[in-house]
Amino acid sequence: MTSAAPDNSRNRADALPKSWNPGEVEAEMYERWVAAGYFVADPGSAKPGYSIVLPPPSTGRGWTT
């Protein structure tokens, strides 16, 4: 008895799109997240507040002009 995968003549990568268009998928996902209330804070929550500070984007040139 062997556990080898079945031999498919078609490469699995061929089933993937040649390019990714995030707007086709992410717009619908984002709307579901908004509808579910994922981006709304609960002002009555007893949990402590927090924030995440993001650094500025890198320009690739460093801090020199």
PDB file of N, CA and C in Angstrom:
ATOM      1  N   MET A   1       0.857  -1.182   0.000  1.00  0.00           N
ATOM      2  CA  MET A   1       0.000   0.000   0.000  1.00  0.00           C
ATOM      3  C   MET A   1       0.892   1.231   0.000  1.00  0.00           C
ATOM      4  N   THR A   2       0.593   2.178  -0.866  1.00  0.00           N
ATOM      5  CA  THR A   2       1.375   3.409  -0.931  1.00  0.00           C
ATOM      6  C   THR A   2       0.489   4.599  -0.601  1.00  0.00           C
ATOM      7  N   SER A   3       1.113   5.662  -0.152  1.00  0.00           N
ATOM      8  CA  SER A   3       0.358   6.867   0.180  1.00  0.00           C
ATOM      9  C   SER A   3       0.628   7.985  -0.822  1.00  0.00           C
ATOM     10  N   ALA A   4       1.081   7.606  -1.988  1.00  0.00           N
ATOM     11  CA  ALA A   4       1.394   8.616  -3.000  1.00  0.00           C
ATOM     12  C   ALA A   4       0.109   9.277  -3.496  1.00  0.00           C
ATOM     13  N   ALA A   5       0.212  10.554  -3.800  1.00  0.00           N
ATOM     14  CA  ALA A   5      -0.923  11.301  -4.333  1.00  0.00           C
ATOM     15  C   ALA A   5      -1.232  10.798  -5.739  1.00  0.00           C
ATOM     16  N   PRO A   6      -2.489  10.880  -6.149  1.00  0.00           N
ATOM     17  CA  PRO A   6      -2.827  10.442  -7.506  1.00  0.00           C
ATOM     18  C   PRO A   6      -2.094  11.300  -8.528  1.00  0.00           C
ATOM     19  N   ASP A   7      -1.753  10.666  -9.628  1.00  0.00           N
ATOM     20  CA  ASP A   7      -1.023  11.361 -10.683  1.00  0.00           C
ATOM     21  C   ASP A   7      -2.000  12.176 -11.520  1.00  0.00           C
ATOM     22  N   ASN A   8      -1.946  13.486 -11.387  1.00  0.00           N
ATOM     23  CA  ASN A   8      -2.779  14.376 -12.201  1.00  0.00           C
ATOM     24  C   ASN A   8      -1.899  14.980 -13.279  1.00  0.00           C
ATOM     25  N   SER A   9      -2.339  14.876 -14.512  1.00  0.00           N
ATOM     26  CA  SER A   9      -1.546  15.412 -15.604  1.00  0.00           C
ATOM     27  C   SER A   9      -1.562  16.938 -15.603  1.00  0.00           C
ATOM     28  N   ARG A  10      -2.524  17.537 -14.932  1.00  0.00           N
ATOM     29  CA  ARG A  10      -2.633  18.996 -14.881  1.00  0.00           C
ATOM     30  C   ARG A  10      -1.943  19.525 -13.624  1.00  0.00           C
ATOM     31  N   ASN A  11      -1.135  20.528 -13.800  1.00  0.00           N
ATOM     32  CA  ASN A  11      -0.444  21.147 -12.680  1.00  0.00           C
ATOM     33  C   ASN A  11      -1.447  21.959 -11.857  1.00  0.00           C
ATOM     34  N   ARG A  12      -1.386  21.870 -10.543  1.00  0.00           N
ATOM     35  CA  ARG A  12      -2.316  22.610  -9.695  1.00  0.00           C
ATOM     36  C   ARG A  12      -2.163  24.117  -9.862  1.00  0.00           C
ATOM     37  N   ALA A  13      -0.978  24.600 -10.176  1.00  0.00           N
ATOM     38  CA  ALA A  13      -0.762  26.037 -10.366  1.00  0.00           C
ATOM     39  C   ALA A  13      -1.550  26.552 -11.566  1.00  0.00           C
ATOM     40  N   ASP A  14      -1.866  25.688 -12.515  1.00  0.00           N
ATOM     41  CA  ASP A  14      -2.647  26.107 -13.676  1.00  0.00           C
ATOM     42  C   ASP A  14      -4.071  26.502 -13.289  1.00  0.00           C
ATOM     43  N   ALA A  15      -4.552  26.013 -12.162  1.00  0.00           N
ATOM     44  CA  ALA A  15      -5.896  26.320 -11.717  1.00  0.00           C
ATOM     45  C   ALA A  15      -5.988  27.710 -11.085  1.00  0.00           C
ATOM     46  N   LEU A  16      -4.859  28.307 -10.739  1.00  0.00           N
ATOM     47  CA  LEU A  16      -4.847  29.633 -10.129  1.00  0.00           C
ATOM     48  C   LEU A  16      -4.889  30.708 -11.203  1.00  0.00           C
ATOM     49  N   PRO A  17      -5.474  31.870 -10.876  1.00  0.00           N
ATOM     50  CA  PRO A  17      -5.463  32.951 -11.859  1.00  0.00           C
ATOM     51  C   PRO A  17      -4.046  33.448 -12.097  1.00  0.00           C
ATOM     52  N   LYS A  18      -3.798  33.985 -13.279  1.00  0.00           N
ATOM     53  CA  LYS A  18      -2.461  34.473 -13.619  1.00  0.00           C
ATOM     54  C   LYS A  18      -2.111  35.736 -12.838  1.00  0.00           C
ATOM     55  N   SER A  19      -3.113  36.508 -12.452  1.00  0.00           N
ATOM     56  CA  SER A  19      -2.874  37.700 -11.637  1.00  0.00           C
ATOM     57  C   SER A  19      -3.969  37.803 -10.582  1.00  0.00           C
ATOM     58  N   TRP A  20      -3.674  38.495  -9.504  1.00  0.00           N
ATOM     59  CA  TRP A  20      -4.596  38.632  -8.386  1.00  0.00           C
ATOM     60  C   TRP A  20      -5.248  39.995  -8.449  1.00  0.00           C
ATOM     61  N   ASN A  21      -6.570  40.038  -8.443  1.00  0.00           N
ATOM     62  CA  ASN A  21      -7.305  41.288  -8.404  1.00  0.00           C
ATOM     63  C   ASN A  21      -8.009  41.351  -7.055  1.00  0.00           C
ATOM     64  N   PRO A  22      -7.389  42.010  -6.052  1.00  0.00           N
ATOM     65  CA  PRO A  22      -7.964  42.004  -4.710  1.00  0.00           C
ATOM     66  C   PRO A  22      -9.342  42.654  -4.633  1.00  0.00           C
ATOM     67  N   GLY A  23      -9.638  43.581  -5.521  1.00  0.00           N
ATOM     68  CA  GLY A  23     -10.938  44.241  -5.491  1.00  0.00           C
ATOM     69  C   GLY A  23     -12.097  43.289  -5.699  1.00  0.00           C
ATOM     70  N   GLU A  24     -11.864  42.213  -6.426  1.00  0.00           N
ATOM     71  CA  GLU A  24     -12.930  41.239  -6.677  1.00  0.00           C
ATOM     72  C   GLU A  24     -13.330  40.486  -5.416  1.00  0.00           C
ATOM     73  N   VAL A  25     -12.413  40.307  -4.510  1.00  0.00           N
ATOM     74  CA  VAL A  25     -12.671  39.521  -3.306  1.00  0.00           C
ATOM     75  C   VAL A  25     -12.782  40.411  -2.070  1.00  0.00           C
ATOM     76  N   GLU A  26     -11.869  41.351  -1.924  1.00  0.00           N
ATOM     77  CA  GLU A  26     -11.777  42.115  -0.689  1.00  0.00           C
ATOM     78  C   GLU A  26     -12.916  43.101  -0.500  1.00  0.00           C
ATOM     79  N   ALA A  27     -13.491  43.628  -1.561  1.00  0.00           N
ATOM     80  CA  ALA A  27     -14.605  44.564  -1.411  1.00  0.00           C
ATOM     81  C   ALA A  27     -15.789  43.878  -0.729  1.00  0.00           C
ATOM     82  N   GLU A  28     -16.093  42.674  -1.162  1.00  0.00           N
ATOM     83  CA  GLU A  28     -17.204  41.920  -0.557  1.00  0.00           C
ATOM     84  C   GLU A  28     -16.883  41.552   0.891  1.00  0.00           C
ATOM     85  N   MET A  29     -15.658  41.145   1.142  1.00  0.00           N
ATOM     86  CA  MET A  29     -15.253  40.805   2.508  1.00  0.00           C
ATOM     87  C   MET A  29     -15.361  42.026   3.421  1.00  0.00           C
ATOM     88  N   TYR A  30     -14.886  43.169   2.937  1.00  0.00           N
ATOM     89  CA  TYR A  30     -14.915  44.392   3.733  1.00  0.00           C
ATOM     90  C   TYR A  30     -16.348  44.778   4.093  1.00  0.00           C
ATOM     91  N   GLU A  31     -17.258  44.659   3.142  1.00  0.00           N
ATOM     92  CA  GLU A  31     -18.663  44.977   3.407  1.00  0.00           C
ATOM     93  C   GLU A  31     -19.239  44.055   4.486  1.00  0.00           C
ATOM     94  N   ARG A  32     -18.870  42.775   4.444  1.00  0.00           N
ATOM     95  CA  ARG A  32     -19.334  41.844   5.490  1.00  0.00           C
ATOM     96  C   ARG A  32     -18.777  42.242   6.849  1.00  0.00           C
ATOM     97  N   TRP A  33     -17.515  42.675   6.892  1.00  0.00           N
ATOM     98  CA  TRP A  33     -16.901  43.086   8.156  1.00  0.00           C
ATOM     99  C   TRP A  33     -17.597  44.330   8.712  1.00  0.00           C
ATOM    100  N   VAL A  34     -17.906  45.288   7.839  1.00  0.00           N
ATOM    101  CA  VAL A  34     -18.604  46.497   8.274  1.00  0.00           C
ATOM    102  C   VAL A  34     -19.987  46.127   8.799  1.00  0.00           C
ATOM    103  N   ALA A  35     -20.707  45.279   8.065  1.00  0.00           N
ATOM    104  CA  ALA A  35     -22.052  44.864   8.475  1.00  0.00           C
ATOM    105  C   ALA A  35     -22.033  44.107   9.802  1.00  0.00           C
ATOM    106  N   ALA A  36     -20.950  43.375  10.059  1.00  0.00           N
ATOM    107  CA  ALA A  36     -20.835  42.610  11.299  1.00  0.00           C
ATOM    108  C   ALA A  36     -20.407  43.489  12.474  1.00  0.00           C
ATOM    109  N   GLY A  37     -20.025  44.746  12.202  1.00  0.00           N
ATOM    110  CA  GLY A  37     -19.641  45.651  13.279  1.00  0.00           C
ATOM    111  C   GLY A  37     -18.214  45.493  13.765  1.00  0.00           C
ATOM    112  N   TYR A  38     -17.345  44.912  12.946  1.00  0.00           N
ATOM    113  CA  TYR A  38     -15.967  44.673  13.366  1.00  0.00           C
ATOM    114  C   TYR A  38     -15.166  45.953  13.596  1.00  0.00           C
ATOM    115  N   PHE A  39     -15.580  47.078  13.005  1.00  0.00           N
ATOM    116  CA  PHE A  39     -14.818  48.313  13.118  1.00  0.00           C
ATOM    117  C   PHE A  39     -15.464  49.312  14.064  1.00  0.00           C
ATOM    118  N   VAL A  40     -16.427  48.867  14.858  1.00  0.00           N
ATOM    119  CA  VAL A  40     -17.148  49.748  15.763  1.00  0.00           C
ATOM    120  C   VAL A  40     -16.741  49.455  17.200  1.00  0.00           C
ATOM    121  N   ALA A  41     -16.341  50.496  17.896  1.00  0.00           N
ATOM    122  CA  ALA A  41     -15.973  50.342  19.306  1.00  0.00           C
ATOM    123  C   ALA A  41     -17.228  50.315  20.172  1.00  0.00           C
ATOM    124  N   ASP A  42     -17.137  49.630  21.288  1.00  0.00           N
ATOM    125  CA  ASP A  42     -18.239  49.569  22.243  1.00  0.00           C
ATOM    126  C   ASP A  42     -17.936  50.561  23.364  1.00  0.00           C
ATOM    127  N   PRO A  43     -18.601  51.722  23.387  1.00  0.00           N
ATOM    128  CA  PRO A  43     -18.293  52.717  24.419  1.00  0.00           C
ATOM    129  C   PRO A  43     -18.627  52.246  25.830  1.00  0.00           C
ATOM    130  N   GLY A  44     -19.478  51.252  25.973  1.00  0.00           N
ATOM    131  CA  GLY A  44     -19.844  50.750  27.295  1.00  0.00           C
ATOM    132  C   GLY A  44     -18.962  49.603  27.772  1.00  0.00           C
ATOM    133  N   SER A  45     -17.959  49.242  26.984  1.00  0.00           N
ATOM    134  CA  SER A  45     -17.100  48.117  27.345  1.00  0.00           C
ATOM    135  C   SER A  45     -16.233  48.444  28.555  1.00  0.00           C
ATOM    136  N   ALA A  46     -16.018  47.457  29.413  1.00  0.00           N
ATOM    137  CA  ALA A  46     -15.157  47.615  30.579  1.00  0.00           C
ATOM    138  C   ALA A  46     -13.690  47.353  30.238  1.00  0.00           C
ATOM    139  N   LYS A  47     -13.431  46.919  29.016  1.00  0.00           N
ATOM    140  CA  LYS A  47     -12.051  46.639  28.607  1.00  0.00           C
ATOM    141  C   LYS A  47     -11.277  47.943  28.453  1.00  0.00           C
ATOM    142  N   PRO A  48      -9.972  47.928  28.772  1.00  0.00           N
ATOM    143  CA  PRO A  48      -9.180  49.154  28.602  1.00  0.00           C
ATOM    144  C   PRO A  48      -8.973  49.478  27.124  1.00  0.00           C
ATOM    145  N   GLY A  49      -8.907  50.764  26.810  1.00  0.00           N
ATOM    146  CA  GLY A  49      -8.672  51.189  25.455  1.00  0.00           C
ATOM    147  C   GLY A  49      -7.214  50.989  25.063  1.00  0.00           C
ATOM    148  N   TYR A  50      -6.946  50.930  23.787  1.00  0.00           N
ATOM    149  CA  TYR A  50      -5.575  50.825  23.289  1.00  0.00           C
ATOM    150  C   TYR A  50      -5.521  51.366  21.879  1.00  0.00           C
ATOM    151  N   SER A  51      -4.335  51.660  21.428  1.00  0.00           N
ATOM    152  CA  SER A  51      -4.136  52.079  20.043  1.00  0.00           C
ATOM    153  C   SER A  51      -2.841  51.465  19.535  1.00  0.00           C
ATOM    154  N   ILE A  52      -2.751  51.325  18.248  1.00  0.00           N
ATOM    155  CA  ILE A  52      -1.559  50.782  17.611  1.00  0.00           C
ATOM    156  C   ILE A  52      -0.968  51.894  16.756  1.00  0.00           C
ATOM    157  N   VAL A  53       0.249  52.284  17.060  1.00  0.00           N
ATOM    158  CA  VAL A  53       0.910  53.339  16.315  1.00  0.00           C
ATOM    159  C   VAL A  53       1.774  52.705  15.235  1.00  0.00           C
ATOM    160  N   LEU A  54       1.544  53.115  14.012  1.00  0.00           N
ATOM    161  CA  LEU A  54       2.304  52.578  12.889  1.00  0.00           C
ATOM    162  C   LEU A  54       3.425  53.547  12.522  1.00  0.00           C
ATOM    163  N   PRO A  55       4.580  53.027  12.180  1.00  0.00           N
ATOM    164  CA  PRO A  55       5.663  53.917  11.766  1.00  0.00           C
ATOM    165  C   PRO A  55       5.372  54.505  10.383  1.00  0.00           C
ATOM    166  N   PRO A  56       6.029  55.614  10.050  1.00  0.00           N
ATOM    167  CA  PRO A  56       5.818  56.179   8.711  1.00  0.00           C
ATOM    168  C   PRO A  56       6.352  55.224   7.648  1.00  0.00           C
ATOM    169  N   PRO A  57       5.840  55.305   6.432  1.00  0.00           N
ATOM    170  CA  PRO A  57       6.335  54.416   5.387  1.00  0.00           C
ATOM    171  C   PRO A  57       7.778  54.719   5.036  1.00  0.00           C
ATOM    172  N   SER A  58       8.476  53.710   4.622  1.00  0.00           N
ATOM    173  CA  SER A  58       9.862  53.867   4.215  1.00  0.00           C
ATOM    174  C   SER A  58       9.913  54.416   2.792  1.00  0.00           C
ATOM    175  N   THR A  59      10.769  55.406   2.584  1.00  0.00           N
ATOM    176  CA  THR A  59      10.901  55.975   1.245  1.00  0.00           C
ATOM    177  C   THR A  59      12.062  55.337   0.495  1.00  0.00           C
ATOM    178  N   GLY A  60      12.870  54.546   1.191  1.00  0.00           N
ATOM    179  CA  GLY A  60      14.001  53.902   0.560  1.00  0.00           C
ATOM    180  C   GLY A  60      15.227  54.786   0.489  1.00  0.00           C
ATOM    181  N   ARG A  61      15.098  56.038   0.918  1.00  0.00           N
ATOM    182  CA  ARG A  61      16.225  56.956   0.862  1.00  0.00           C
ATOM    183  C   ARG A  61      16.810  57.258   2.234  1.00  0.00           C
ATOM    184  N   GLY A  62      16.184  56.739   3.279  1.00  0.00           N
ATOM    185  CA  GLY A  62      16.654  57.060   4.617  1.00  0.00           C
ATOM    186  C   GLY A  62      16.175  58.432   5.034  1.00  0.00           C
ATOM    187  N   TRP A  63      16.832  59.029   6.015  1.00  0.00           N
ATOM    188  CA  TRP A  63      16.407  60.319   6.550  1.00  0.00           C
ATOM    189  C   TRP A  63      17.207  61.481   5.974  1.00  0.00           C
ATOM    190  N   THR A  64      18.063  61.229   5.025  1.00  0.00           N
ATOM    191  CA  THR A  64      18.862  62.300   4.462  1.00  0.00           C
ATOM    192  C   THR A  64      18.172  62.924   3.269  1.00  0.00           C
ATOM    193  N   THR A  65      18.500  64.150   2.981  1.00  0.00           N
ATOM    194  CA  THR A  65      17.909  64.821   1.813  1.00  0.00           C
ATOM    195  C   THR A  65      18.925  65.033   0.740  1.00  0.00           C
TER     196      THR A  65
END
